[in-house]
């Protein structure tokens, strides 16, 4: 079943067109990646899916229902969580306060404070520290945990590994693998192929606001030279 989809969406920033007839979808229990160079339109797609960008044409669908008119908070209550590229943690609140705010969404599910602490033990150790005292990798763990505590059905992750040390990237990849293994769908934005090749079942390649290629990870591997040209700077 397709959980979340865009259908022939055009998106503009003022008069500049950012997305051109974009169609894509995320199935239940699936990991999908959006790959593309800086400025390709990847983040715009995520913001359109979560309702932060308005589609000038086309539709947003949730389990087959047209939810184009819904606001971001309404989409969140349906079961969509968004982890933005800049993480958006509250710098003056403690780690635990940041996490408890996410539980106010009120959706029922298996993710609670104890479980995110088990997934990222360093957050338990840092639970009383202000958010802005965490390292970049720890802040990313906090942002992902906050998304999980809304108990979504699909988690949208914008550049979760950007700028992080290889060891931290490996930890995040393993965490995302575990999250998906428990039944949550993931839509992952990345600039390069390293993380998507480890995690994703299907891949979309974005360039100049349009889908230029899509297929399974096996298809991508078979066409890797072509894809590398599309995403290279």
Protein backbone atom coordinates (compact mmCIF):
# COMPACT_ATOMS: atom_id res chain seq x y z
CA UNK A 1 0.00 0.00 0.00
CA UNK A 2 1.25 3.48 -0.87
CA UNK A 3 1.33 5.55 2.31
CA UNK A 4 2.43 8.95 1.04
CA UNK A 5 2.66 10.27 -2.49
CA UNK A 6 2.91 13.32 -4.70
CA UNK A 7 1.09 13.26 -8.01
CA UNK A 8 2.16 15.63 -10.83
CA UNK A 9 3.12 18.42 -8.43
CA UNK A 10 4.38 21.83 -9.48
CA UNK A 11 5.80 24.06 -6.74
CA UNK A 12 6.93 27.68 -7.03
CA UNK A 13 8.96 30.02 -4.87
CA UNK A 14 7.48 33.36 -5.91
CA UNK A 15 7.75 33.19 -9.71
CA UNK A 16 10.56 30.63 -9.82
CA UNK A 17 9.42 27.08 -10.42
CA UNK A 18 11.08 24.68 -7.99
CA UNK A 19 9.34 21.39 -8.84
CA UNK A 20 8.11 20.25 -12.24
CA UNK A 21 5.34 17.62 -12.38
CA UNK A 22 6.89 15.56 -9.60
CA UNK A 23 5.30 12.19 -8.88
CA UNK A 24 6.67 9.78 -6.29
CA UNK A 25 5.48 7.54 -3.50
CA UNK A 26 6.52 5.65 -0.39
CA UNK A 27 5.06 2.23 0.32
CA UNK A 28 4.38 0.83 3.77
CA UNK A 29 7.51 -0.62 5.37
CA UNK A 30 9.74 0.74 2.61
CA UNK A 31 12.92 2.82 2.56
CA UNK A 32 13.01 5.25 -0.37
CA UNK A 33 15.80 7.70 -1.13
CA UNK A 34 15.82 11.01 -2.98
CA UNK A 35 19.27 11.62 -4.42
CA UNK A 36 20.54 14.75 -6.09
CA UNK A 37 23.05 17.55 -6.01
CA UNK A 38 22.61 20.75 -3.96
CA UNK A 39 19.64 22.76 -5.18
CA UNK A 40 18.12 19.86 -7.12
CA UNK A 41 14.78 20.08 -5.31
CA UNK A 42 15.09 17.31 -2.73
CA UNK A 43 14.24 19.39 0.33
CA UNK A 44 11.43 21.09 -1.58
CA UNK A 45 9.86 17.68 -2.17
CA UNK A 46 9.98 16.82 1.54
CA UNK A 47 8.49 20.19 2.49
CA UNK A 48 5.72 19.66 -0.04
CA UNK A 49 4.99 16.21 1.37
CA UNK A 50 4.72 17.54 4.93
CA UNK A 51 2.68 20.60 3.93
CA UNK A 52 5.26 23.35 4.41
CA UNK A 53 5.18 24.11 0.67
CA UNK A 54 1.97 24.58 -1.29
CA UNK A 55 1.61 22.73 -4.57
CA UNK A 56 0.44 25.04 -7.36
CA UNK A 57 -0.89 21.99 -9.17
CA UNK A 58 -1.05 18.26 -8.55
CA UNK A 59 -2.02 16.37 -5.41
CA UNK A 60 -0.64 15.08 -2.12
CA UNK A 61 -2.05 11.66 -1.22
CA UNK A 62 -2.15 9.77 2.08
CA UNK A 63 -3.20 6.13 1.75
CA UNK A 64 -4.93 7.05 -1.47
CA UNK A 65 -6.89 9.98 -0.03
CA UNK A 66 -6.36 13.51 -1.32
CA UNK A 67 -4.81 15.51 1.53
CA UNK A 68 -3.51 18.40 -0.58
CA UNK A 69 -5.41 20.97 1.47
CA UNK A 70 -4.21 19.79 4.89
CA UNK A 71 -1.76 21.80 7.00
CA UNK A 72 1.54 20.43 8.29
CA UNK A 73 0.16 19.87 11.81
CA UNK A 74 -2.81 17.93 10.40
CA UNK A 75 -0.49 15.79 8.29
CA UNK A 76 1.61 15.10 11.38
CA UNK A 77 -1.44 13.80 13.20
CA UNK A 78 -2.13 11.43 10.32
CA UNK A 79 1.26 9.80 10.86
CA UNK A 80 3.92 11.75 8.95
CA UNK A 81 7.04 13.01 10.74
CA UNK A 82 9.67 15.35 9.32
CA UNK A 83 13.30 15.69 10.44
CA UNK A 84 14.58 18.88 8.76
CA UNK A 85 18.11 19.38 7.53
CA UNK A 86 18.85 21.98 10.23
CA UNK A 87 17.39 19.69 12.95
CA UNK A 88 15.40 22.50 14.64
CA UNK A 89 16.06 21.36 18.19
CA UNK A 90 15.32 23.77 21.04
CA UNK A 91 18.80 24.91 22.10
CA UNK A 92 17.90 26.10 25.60
CA UNK A 93 15.81 23.06 26.54
CA UNK A 94 17.37 19.89 27.86
CA UNK A 95 17.57 16.76 25.73
CA UNK A 96 14.71 15.21 27.68
CA UNK A 97 12.58 18.35 27.41
CA UNK A 98 13.14 18.36 23.65
CA UNK A 99 11.94 14.76 23.53
CA UNK A 100 8.93 15.19 25.81
CA UNK A 101 7.61 18.01 23.61
CA UNK A 102 7.30 15.51 20.75
CA UNK A 103 5.00 13.28 22.80
CA UNK A 104 2.39 16.06 22.87
CA UNK A 105 1.35 14.96 19.37
CA UNK A 106 -0.64 12.30 21.20
CA UNK A 107 -0.41 9.51 18.60
CA UNK A 108 -0.35 6.05 20.11
CA UNK A 109 2.41 3.62 19.21
CA UNK A 110 5.43 1.70 20.35
CA UNK A 111 7.94 4.54 20.49
CA UNK A 112 8.42 6.10 23.92
CA UNK A 113 11.22 7.80 25.84
CA UNK A 114 12.77 4.55 27.04
CA UNK A 115 12.92 3.13 23.53
CA UNK A 116 14.62 6.14 21.96
CA UNK A 117 17.13 6.12 24.80
CA UNK A 118 17.79 2.44 24.00
CA UNK A 119 18.22 3.31 20.32
CA UNK A 120 20.60 6.20 21.10
CA UNK A 121 22.13 5.56 24.56
CA UNK A 122 24.17 8.77 24.40
CA UNK A 123 20.92 10.75 24.67
CA UNK A 124 20.19 9.09 27.99
CA UNK A 125 23.65 10.12 29.19
CA UNK A 126 23.03 13.69 27.98
CA UNK A 127 19.38 13.88 29.03
CA UNK A 128 19.85 16.87 31.36
CA UNK A 129 22.10 18.86 29.01
CA UNK A 130 20.83 21.78 26.90
CA UNK A 131 20.34 20.89 23.26
CA UNK A 132 22.98 23.32 22.04
CA UNK A 133 25.73 21.56 24.02
CA UNK A 134 25.40 18.39 21.95
CA UNK A 135 27.70 17.52 19.06
CA UNK A 136 26.32 17.57 15.53
CA UNK A 137 25.83 13.81 15.53
CA UNK A 138 24.09 13.88 18.90
CA UNK A 139 21.79 16.67 17.72
CA UNK A 140 20.87 14.53 14.70
CA UNK A 141 20.09 11.61 17.02
CA UNK A 142 17.91 13.95 19.06
CA UNK A 143 16.08 15.20 15.98
CA UNK A 144 15.39 11.66 14.76
CA UNK A 145 14.26 10.59 18.23
CA UNK A 146 11.88 13.52 18.42
CA UNK A 147 10.35 12.39 15.12
CA UNK A 148 10.00 8.83 16.38
CA UNK A 149 8.18 9.96 19.52
CA UNK A 150 5.29 11.22 17.38
CA UNK A 151 4.82 7.54 16.44
CA UNK A 152 4.58 8.15 12.70
CA UNK A 153 3.99 5.63 9.93
CA UNK A 154 6.50 7.37 7.67
CA UNK A 155 9.57 9.38 8.68
CA UNK A 156 10.97 12.02 6.30
CA UNK A 157 14.70 12.61 6.84
CA UNK A 158 16.46 15.54 5.17
CA UNK A 159 20.23 14.99 4.85
CA UNK A 160 20.54 13.09 8.17
CA UNK A 161 24.23 12.25 7.67
CA UNK A 162 25.49 15.49 6.14
CA UNK A 163 28.77 16.72 7.63
CA UNK A 164 29.05 13.92 10.18
CA UNK A 165 32.05 11.72 10.93
CA UNK A 166 32.02 8.25 9.31
CA UNK A 167 31.59 6.49 12.67
CA UNK A 168 28.50 8.58 13.47
CA UNK A 169 27.14 7.98 9.96
CA UNK A 170 27.48 4.23 10.52
CA UNK A 171 25.59 4.53 13.83
CA UNK A 172 22.78 6.47 12.18
CA UNK A 173 22.55 4.00 9.29
CA UNK A 174 22.21 1.12 11.74
CA UNK A 175 19.57 3.04 13.71
CA UNK A 176 17.57 3.74 10.53
CA UNK A 177 17.83 0.07 9.59
CA UNK A 178 16.40 -0.92 12.97
CA UNK A 179 13.61 1.67 12.71
CA UNK A 180 12.59 0.31 9.31
CA UNK A 181 12.84 -3.31 10.52
CA UNK A 182 10.13 -2.50 13.05
CA UNK A 183 7.74 -1.49 10.29
CA UNK A 184 8.25 2.24 9.76
CA UNK A 185 8.63 3.61 6.25
CA UNK A 186 11.50 6.04 5.63
CA UNK A 187 11.96 8.68 2.95
CA UNK A 188 15.60 9.72 2.96
CA UNK A 189 17.22 12.69 1.23
CA UNK A 190 20.93 12.39 0.44
CA UNK A 191 23.44 14.02 -1.90
CA UNK A 192 25.54 10.94 -2.55
CA UNK A 193 24.99 7.22 -2.94
CA UNK A 194 26.80 5.89 0.12
CA UNK A 195 23.92 5.83 2.58
CA UNK A 196 21.05 5.13 0.13
CA UNK A 197 22.88 2.11 -1.28
CA UNK A 198 23.04 0.63 2.21
CA UNK A 199 19.44 1.33 3.21
CA UNK A 200 17.00 2.06 0.41
CA UNK A 201 14.76 -0.36 -1.45
CA UNK A 202 13.97 2.20 -4.17
CA UNK A 203 15.68 5.36 -5.36
CA UNK A 204 14.64 8.58 -7.08
CA UNK A 205 17.20 10.87 -8.70
CA UNK A 206 16.23 14.56 -8.74
CA UNK A 207 17.75 17.30 -10.87
CA UNK A 208 16.49 20.81 -11.62
CA UNK A 209 13.24 20.10 -9.80
CA UNK A 210 12.26 17.02 -11.80
CA UNK A 211 12.55 13.26 -11.40
CA UNK A 212 15.27 12.20 -13.82
CA UNK A 213 15.50 8.52 -12.87
CA UNK A 214 13.81 6.02 -10.56
CA UNK A 215 14.23 2.35 -9.85
CA UNK A 216 15.27 -0.24 -7.32
CA UNK A 217 18.64 -0.21 -5.63
CA UNK A 218 19.67 -3.12 -7.86
CA UNK A 219 18.68 -1.04 -10.90
CA UNK A 220 20.74 1.85 -9.58
CA UNK A 221 23.78 -0.35 -9.12
CA UNK A 222 23.43 -1.54 -12.71
CA UNK A 223 23.22 2.08 -13.93
CA UNK A 224 25.61 3.58 -11.43
CA UNK A 225 27.81 5.44 -13.91
CA UNK A 226 24.77 7.18 -15.39
CA UNK A 227 23.44 8.11 -11.94
CA UNK A 228 26.83 9.42 -10.78
CA UNK A 229 26.78 11.86 -13.73
CA UNK A 230 23.32 13.10 -12.73
CA UNK A 231 24.29 13.84 -9.13
CA UNK A 232 27.85 15.09 -9.62
CA UNK A 233 28.51 18.78 -9.06
